[in-house]
Amino acid sequence: MTFKDSVPHAVPDLAIPGGEIEIHYEISDVSPADIQCLFDGLAGDISAASSNRLFVRVPEGLANRDVEVRLSADGVESEPLVIQVGARLCGEMHIVANPAIDPSDGSVILTRSGTRGQELPTTLFRIRNNEVEEISAVVMNPTGIAFDPNGRLLVTNRADGEVVQINDDDAVTLASELGVATGLAFDSSGTLYIGDRNGTIYKMSGLGDARDWARIEASVSAFHLAFGPDGDLYVAAPGLCSHDVIHRIDTDGNSDVFFKGLGRPQGLAFDAEGNLYVAACLRGRHGVVRIDKDGSEARLWIAGMSIVGLCFDSEGRVLVATSDSLFAFDVGVQGILV
């Protein structure tokens, strides 16, 4: 039995523990059922295998970020390939949307959101110098997070349909009566847009007055918003099918479909070249999906379960949020910081 000369390769080659990757290889004189997949010596759970590819889940407990993967059968091992497994920055959260980068110091803001109406003693956190700090201001069910052009932190309170500004240990209401307020995004002029998962996108003036600006179909969980480098607003509104769309709304509030074919799309982020990254499921595979800037092609970029959001930082990292943890990848991608 031999693994043939070609080195196996993984699709994708970025993953969080529990994410399913696809490995392509060539093998002869062995049953696919006899193949093992070892991640730094730890066996991954293979869900399907053939003579030239397999699907395997990345195991928990990996100590290294760059992980060597080998295939093994009958005592013979393949040449190694290397994948990057996200470094866990924190756990025991309840994140429901994108984290955000504080422009003043590069620290990361994230949430412990809780179920709707649930009161928690601490709901906002900051990761700075690899340490998790509590933010004393309490917001009921914080969802969307964004910094305004002056560096002030704004958060949606979906329980009360509000946008609040965080001032050290206090949360000040800026706008209310916004339905189930979820996503937040600023356009290039500093105007704030708020997504009500019932179907309305609000546009808010600097005085805190919010008006209906656009309408799309309601969502079962949230609206996630991001402005692209083209100036249009992109919206993920997860539903209950595997063919959800990413909506694109122009400056006049007119909506069309940018991309169709995602399962439960959630957090959105753009890179500097205009490619869109979405926490979603694509063709039955879960993780972060990269969509070309013209919407023509999509591929799984990071494999992982329960991913709800992401953001890029100024150091070329992407920070990926699951429902309870935050992971970091060194990808060398320049993102649009929001």
Protein backbone atom coordinates (compact mmCIF):
# COMPACT_ATOMS: atom_id res chain seq x y z
CA MET A 1 0.00 0.00 0.00
CA THR A 2 1.27 3.48 -0.82
CA PHE A 3 0.22 7.07 -0.70
CA LYS A 4 1.16 8.42 -4.10
CA ASP A 5 3.71 11.18 -4.61
CA SER A 6 1.35 14.15 -4.48
CA VAL A 7 1.16 15.86 -1.08
CA PRO A 8 -2.39 15.86 0.35
CA HIS A 9 -4.10 19.24 0.56
CA ALA A 10 -6.98 20.53 2.67
CA VAL A 11 -10.02 22.58 1.69
CA PRO A 12 -10.20 24.88 3.53
CA ASP A 13 -6.88 25.06 5.35
CA LEU A 14 -8.27 27.25 8.15
CA ALA A 15 -10.51 25.76 10.83
CA ILE A 16 -11.64 25.96 14.42
CA PRO A 17 -11.90 22.78 16.54
CA GLY A 18 -14.97 20.83 15.46
CA GLY A 19 -14.88 22.27 11.94
CA GLU A 20 -15.04 19.82 9.04
CA ILE A 21 -12.34 20.04 6.37
CA GLU A 22 -11.98 18.14 3.09
CA ILE A 23 -8.63 16.48 2.36
CA HIS A 24 -7.66 15.43 -1.16
CA TYR A 25 -5.05 12.70 -1.73
CA GLU A 26 -4.23 9.65 -3.82
CA ILE A 27 -3.84 6.15 -2.37
CA SER A 28 -3.58 2.62 -3.68
CA ASP A 29 -4.09 -0.92 -2.34
CA VAL A 30 -6.05 0.02 0.77
CA SER A 31 -9.67 0.36 1.78
CA PRO A 32 -10.71 3.97 2.54
CA ALA A 33 -12.24 2.61 5.76
CA ASP A 34 -8.72 1.86 7.04
CA ILE A 35 -7.43 5.44 6.73
CA GLN A 36 -6.78 7.54 9.81
CA CYS A 37 -6.33 11.32 9.83
CA LEU A 38 -3.94 12.59 12.52
CA PHE A 39 -3.69 16.22 13.64
CA ASP A 40 -0.38 16.59 15.50
CA GLY A 41 -0.93 12.97 16.44
CA LEU A 42 -4.59 13.35 17.49
CA ALA A 43 -7.12 11.39 15.44
CA GLY A 44 -9.86 13.36 13.75
CA ASP A 45 -13.37 11.99 13.29
CA ILE A 46 -13.73 10.96 9.63
CA SER A 47 -17.33 11.24 8.40
CA ALA A 48 -16.73 9.99 4.81
CA ALA A 49 -13.78 8.70 2.77
CA SER A 50 -12.97 7.45 -0.72
CA SER A 51 -9.79 6.61 -2.63
CA ASN A 52 -9.02 10.30 -3.25
CA ARG A 53 -10.66 12.42 -0.54
CA LEU A 54 -12.17 12.40 2.91
CA PHE A 55 -14.13 14.66 5.24
CA VAL A 56 -12.81 14.96 8.79
CA ARG A 57 -13.55 17.07 11.87
CA VAL A 58 -10.68 18.92 13.51
CA PRO A 59 -10.27 17.52 17.03
CA GLU A 60 -10.29 19.50 20.27
CA GLY A 61 -7.14 19.77 22.37
CA LEU A 62 -4.64 20.91 19.74
CA ALA A 63 -1.84 22.95 21.28
CA ASN A 64 -0.37 24.52 18.15
CA ARG A 65 -1.87 27.06 15.78
CA ASP A 66 -0.06 25.57 12.74
CA VAL A 67 -1.05 21.92 12.88
CA GLU A 68 0.61 19.11 10.93
CA VAL A 69 -1.88 16.71 9.39
CA ARG A 70 -0.95 13.23 8.17
CA LEU A 71 -2.99 10.40 6.73
CA SER A 72 -2.14 6.92 7.99
CA ALA A 73 -3.11 3.39 6.92
CA ASP A 74 -1.50 0.00 7.66
CA GLY A 75 1.47 1.71 9.30
CA VAL A 76 2.22 3.90 6.28
CA GLU A 77 1.89 7.69 6.55
CA SER A 78 1.40 10.32 3.89
CA GLU A 79 3.52 13.41 3.45
CA PRO A 80 2.36 16.08 5.93
CA LEU A 81 0.19 19.05 5.19
CA VAL A 82 -0.28 22.04 7.48
CA ILE A 83 -3.53 23.75 8.43
CA GLN A 84 -4.06 26.71 10.72
CA VAL A 85 -6.36 26.11 13.69
CA GLY A 86 -7.74 29.26 15.27
CA ALA A 87 -6.24 30.31 18.59
CA ARG A 88 -8.99 30.54 21.22
CA LEU A 89 -8.92 33.98 22.86
CA CYS A 90 -11.83 33.43 25.24
CA GLY A 91 -14.83 31.23 25.98
CA GLU A 92 -18.02 31.15 28.04
CA MET A 93 -19.56 34.04 26.14
CA HIS A 94 -22.91 34.32 24.38
CA ILE A 95 -22.09 36.08 21.12
CA VAL A 96 -24.82 36.64 18.54
CA ALA A 97 -23.16 38.95 15.98
CA ASN A 98 -19.80 40.40 14.95
CA PRO A 99 -17.23 41.45 17.51
CA ALA A 100 -15.74 44.90 16.96
CA ILE A 101 -12.28 46.51 17.12
CA ASP A 102 -11.81 49.63 19.26
CA PRO A 103 -10.01 52.09 16.95
CA SER A 104 -8.28 53.78 19.89
CA ASP A 105 -6.22 50.79 21.04
CA GLY A 106 -7.05 47.77 18.86
CA SER A 107 -8.81 45.89 21.65
CA VAL A 108 -11.77 43.65 20.86
CA ILE A 109 -15.32 44.23 22.11
CA LEU A 110 -17.71 41.30 22.39
CA THR A 111 -20.87 40.32 24.23
CA ARG A 112 -22.54 37.94 26.57
CA SER A 113 -25.98 38.52 25.12
CA GLY A 114 -28.30 36.05 26.84
CA THR A 115 -31.75 35.05 25.69
CA ARG A 116 -34.21 37.82 24.96
CA GLY A 117 -35.23 39.54 28.19
CA GLN A 118 -32.59 37.74 30.27
CA GLU A 119 -30.80 40.01 32.74
CA LEU A 120 -27.11 39.20 33.19
CA PRO A 121 -24.71 40.98 35.58
CA THR A 122 -22.10 41.56 32.85
CA THR A 123 -22.96 41.74 29.17
CA LEU A 124 -20.01 43.50 27.51
CA PHE A 125 -16.33 42.51 27.49
CA ARG A 126 -13.04 43.82 26.17
CA ILE A 127 -10.03 41.70 25.16
CA ARG A 128 -6.83 43.71 25.53
CA ASN A 129 -3.30 42.28 25.60
CA ASN A 130 -4.84 38.78 25.60
CA GLU A 131 -6.72 39.53 28.82
CA VAL A 132 -10.52 39.53 29.11
CA GLU A 133 -11.89 42.59 30.93
CA GLU A 134 -15.46 43.27 32.00
CA ILE A 135 -17.14 46.48 30.85
CA SER A 136 -19.26 47.71 33.74
CA ALA A 137 -22.04 49.25 31.64
CA VAL A 138 -24.89 46.75 31.28
CA VAL A 139 -27.01 46.45 28.12
CA MET A 140 -30.00 44.13 27.94
CA ASN A 141 -29.34 41.53 25.21
CA PRO A 142 -26.54 43.40 23.40
CA THR A 143 -26.40 42.35 19.75
CA GLY A 144 -24.86 44.72 17.19
CA ILE A 145 -21.64 46.56 18.07
CA ALA A 146 -20.07 49.47 16.19
CA PHE A 147 -17.79 52.43 16.78
CA ASP A 148 -18.85 55.82 15.40
CA PRO A 149 -16.38 58.09 13.54
CA ASN A 150 -15.43 59.71 16.87
CA GLY A 151 -14.56 56.36 18.44
CA ARG A 152 -17.65 56.06 20.64
CA LEU A 153 -19.00 52.57 21.24
CA LEU A 154 -22.63 51.96 20.21
CA VAL A 155 -24.59 48.79 20.95
CA THR A 156 -28.11 47.61 20.11
CA ASN A 157 -30.41 46.48 22.91
CA ARG A 158 -32.69 44.07 21.08
CA ALA A 159 -34.95 43.49 24.11
CA ASP A 160 -36.05 47.14 24.21
CA GLY A 161 -35.43 48.13 20.58
CA GLU A 162 -32.77 50.71 21.41
CA VAL A 163 -29.35 51.93 20.38
CA VAL A 164 -27.20 52.89 23.35
CA GLN A 165 -23.84 54.61 23.69
CA ILE A 166 -21.36 53.16 26.18
CA ASN A 167 -19.67 55.77 28.36
CA ASP A 168 -17.32 53.93 30.74
CA ASP A 169 -19.73 52.49 33.32
CA ASP A 170 -22.93 53.92 31.84
CA ALA A 171 -25.19 53.15 28.87
CA VAL A 172 -27.01 56.16 27.39
CA THR A 173 -29.99 55.62 25.08
CA LEU A 174 -29.59 57.38 21.71
CA ALA A 175 -32.64 56.04 19.88
CA SER A 176 -35.61 53.84 20.79
CA GLU A 177 -38.71 52.22 19.29
CA LEU A 178 -36.58 50.34 16.76
CA GLY A 179 -38.43 47.01 16.88
CA VAL A 180 -36.04 44.12 17.56
CA ALA A 181 -32.89 46.19 17.00
CA THR A 182 -29.97 44.01 15.95
CA GLY A 183 -27.35 45.02 13.35
CA LEU A 184 -25.47 48.33 13.26
CA ALA A 185 -23.34 49.92 10.54
CA PHE A 186 -21.99 53.38 9.70
CA ASP A 187 -21.66 54.62 6.14
CA SER A 188 -18.66 56.61 4.91
CA SER A 189 -20.26 59.90 6.02
CA GLY A 190 -20.79 58.66 9.57
CA THR A 191 -24.54 58.09 9.30
CA LEU A 192 -25.81 55.18 11.39
CA TYR A 193 -28.09 52.41 10.07
CA ILE A 194 -29.92 49.98 12.34
CA GLY A 195 -31.51 46.67 11.37
CA ASP A 196 -34.82 45.66 12.93
CA ARG A 197 -35.22 41.94 12.35
CA ASN A 198 -38.93 42.50 11.70
CA GLY A 199 -37.92 43.87 8.29
CA THR A 200 -36.96 47.54 8.60
CA ILE A 201 -33.61 49.24 8.14
CA TYR A 202 -33.55 52.56 10.01
CA LYS A 203 -31.38 55.54 9.16
CA MET A 204 -30.47 57.68 12.17
CA SER A 205 -29.51 61.33 12.21
CA GLY A 206 -26.88 62.75 14.52
CA LEU A 207 -29.65 63.92 16.85
CA GLY A 208 -30.87 60.40 17.49
CA ASP A 209 -33.92 60.58 15.22
CA ALA A 210 -34.37 57.32 13.32
CA ARG A 211 -36.56 56.98 10.24
CA ASP A 212 -37.58 54.06 8.04
CA TRP A 213 -35.10 53.85 5.18
CA ALA A 214 -35.54 50.42 3.56
CA ARG A 215 -37.52 47.23 4.02
CA ILE A 216 -36.67 43.60 3.33
CA GLU A 217 -38.10 40.29 4.50
CA ALA A 218 -38.12 39.65 8.24
CA SER A 219 -35.54 37.36 9.84
CA VAL A 220 -35.94 34.57 12.38
CA SER A 221 -33.00 35.83 14.43
CA ALA A 222 -31.27 39.08 13.44
CA PHE A 223 -30.22 41.52 10.74
CA HIS A 224 -26.45 41.74 10.24
CA LEU A 225 -25.21 44.86 8.41
CA ALA A 226 -21.98 45.91 6.70
CA PHE A 227 -21.16 48.66 4.22
CA GLY A 228 -19.07 47.62 1.25
CA PRO A 229 -16.36 49.72 -0.37
CA ASP A 230 -18.90 50.48 -3.12
CA GLY A 231 -21.01 52.44 -0.61
CA ASP A 232 -23.92 49.98 -0.64
CA LEU A 233 -25.28 48.36 2.51
CA TYR A 234 -25.14 44.56 2.66
CA VAL A 235 -27.57 42.70 4.90
CA ALA A 236 -27.74 39.10 6.10
CA ALA A 237 -31.18 38.12 7.37
CA PRO A 238 -31.05 34.43 8.34
CA GLY A 239 -34.12 32.34 7.62
CA LEU A 240 -35.00 28.67 7.77
CA CYS A 241 -33.80 27.43 4.36
CA SER A 242 -30.47 26.64 2.70
CA HIS A 243 -30.94 29.28 -0.02
CA ASP A 244 -30.91 32.50 2.00
CA VAL A 245 -29.61 35.61 0.31
CA ILE A 246 -27.32 38.53 1.00
CA HIS A 247 -29.28 41.68 0.30
CA ARG A 248 -27.62 44.75 -1.22
CA ILE A 249 -29.24 48.14 -0.64
CA ASP A 250 -28.15 51.19 -2.61
CA THR A 251 -27.92 54.75 -1.32
CA ASP A 252 -31.57 55.38 -2.24
CA GLY A 253 -32.80 52.42 -0.17
CA ASN A 254 -33.48 50.13 -3.14
CA SER A 255 -32.76 46.45 -2.45
CA ASP A 256 -31.60 43.64 -4.71
CA VAL A 257 -30.01 40.20 -4.22
CA PHE A 258 -26.20 40.20 -4.17
CA PHE A 259 -25.80 36.46 -3.55
CA LYS A 260 -28.15 33.51 -3.04
CA GLY A 261 -27.46 30.04 -1.71
CA LEU A 262 -26.38 30.37 1.91
CA GLY A 263 -27.74 28.60 4.95
CA ARG A 264 -28.43 30.89 7.92
CA PRO A 265 -26.07 33.75 6.97
CA GLN A 266 -25.09 35.91 9.93
CA GLY A 267 -22.14 38.26 10.57
CA LEU A 268 -20.56 40.08 7.60
CA ALA A 269 -17.17 41.68 6.94
CA PHE A 270 -15.37 43.07 3.88
CA ASP A 271 -11.71 43.03 2.98
CA ALA A 272 -10.04 46.03 1.38
CA GLU A 273 -10.43 44.52 -2.09
CA GLY A 274 -14.21 44.30 -1.72
CA ASN A 275 -14.59 40.56 -1.12
CA LEU A 276 -17.34 39.69 1.34
CA TYR A 277 -16.96 37.21 4.21
CA VAL A 278 -20.06 35.72 5.82
CA ALA A 279 -20.66 33.43 8.78
CA ALA A 280 -22.87 30.87 7.03
CA CYS A 281 -23.35 27.40 5.61
CA LEU A 282 -22.47 26.78 1.95
CA ARG A 283 -23.52 23.56 0.21
CA GLY A 284 -23.93 21.83 3.55
CA ARG A 285 -20.59 22.93 5.00
CA HIS A 286 -20.41 25.34 7.93
CA GLY A 287 -18.01 28.16 8.66
CA VAL A 288 -16.95 31.47 7.10
CA VAL A 289 -17.77 31.81 3.40
CA ARG A 290 -15.76 34.11 1.11
CA ILE A 291 -17.76 35.66 -1.73
CA ASP A 292 -15.96 37.39 -4.61
CA LYS A 293 -16.61 41.11 -4.87
CA ASP A 294 -18.83 40.68 -7.93
CA GLY A 295 -20.87 37.92 -6.26
CA SER A 296 -19.92 35.37 -8.92
CA GLU A 297 -18.13 32.78 -6.78
CA ALA A 298 -18.23 31.60 -3.17
CA ARG A 299 -16.11 29.12 -1.24
CA LEU A 300 -15.70 27.96 2.32
CA TRP A 301 -12.77 29.92 3.77
CA ILE A 302 -12.80 28.82 7.43
CA ALA A 303 -14.39 25.59 8.64
CA GLY A 304 -16.31 25.68 11.90
CA MET A 305 -19.62 25.08 13.60
CA SER A 306 -21.81 27.68 15.33
CA ILE A 307 -19.94 30.66 13.85
CA VAL A 308 -22.01 33.83 14.23
CA GLY A 309 -19.67 36.68 13.32
CA LEU A 310 -16.21 37.93 12.41
CA CYS A 311 -14.09 41.03 12.01
CA PHE A 312 -10.64 41.97 10.75
CA ASP A 313 -8.08 43.82 12.84
CA SER A 314 -5.23 46.10 11.80
CA GLU A 315 -2.63 43.31 12.15
CA GLY A 316 -3.96 41.14 9.32
CA ARG A 317 -5.86 38.83 11.64
CA VAL A 318 -9.44 37.71 11.34
CA LEU A 319 -11.32 37.24 14.60
CA VAL A 320 -14.05 34.59 14.38
CA ALA A 321 -16.86 34.41 16.93
CA THR A 322 -18.86 31.30 17.69
CA SER A 323 -21.86 31.40 19.98
CA ASP A 324 -19.57 31.02 23.01
CA SER A 325 -15.92 31.63 22.00
CA LEU A 326 -13.62 33.92 20.04
CA PHE A 327 -10.78 32.63 17.81
CA ALA A 328 -7.96 34.42 15.98
CA PHE A 329 -6.30 33.52 12.67
CA ASP A 330 -3.22 35.12 11.12
CA VAL A 331 -4.34 35.47 7.51
CA GLY A 332 -2.57 38.60 6.30
CA VAL A 333 -5.83 40.05 4.97
CA GLN A 334 -6.44 43.77 5.18
CA GLY A 335 -10.03 44.27 6.18
CA ILE A 336 -12.32 47.27 6.28
CA LEU A 337 -12.25 48.17 9.96
CA VAL A 338 -15.65 48.97 11.46
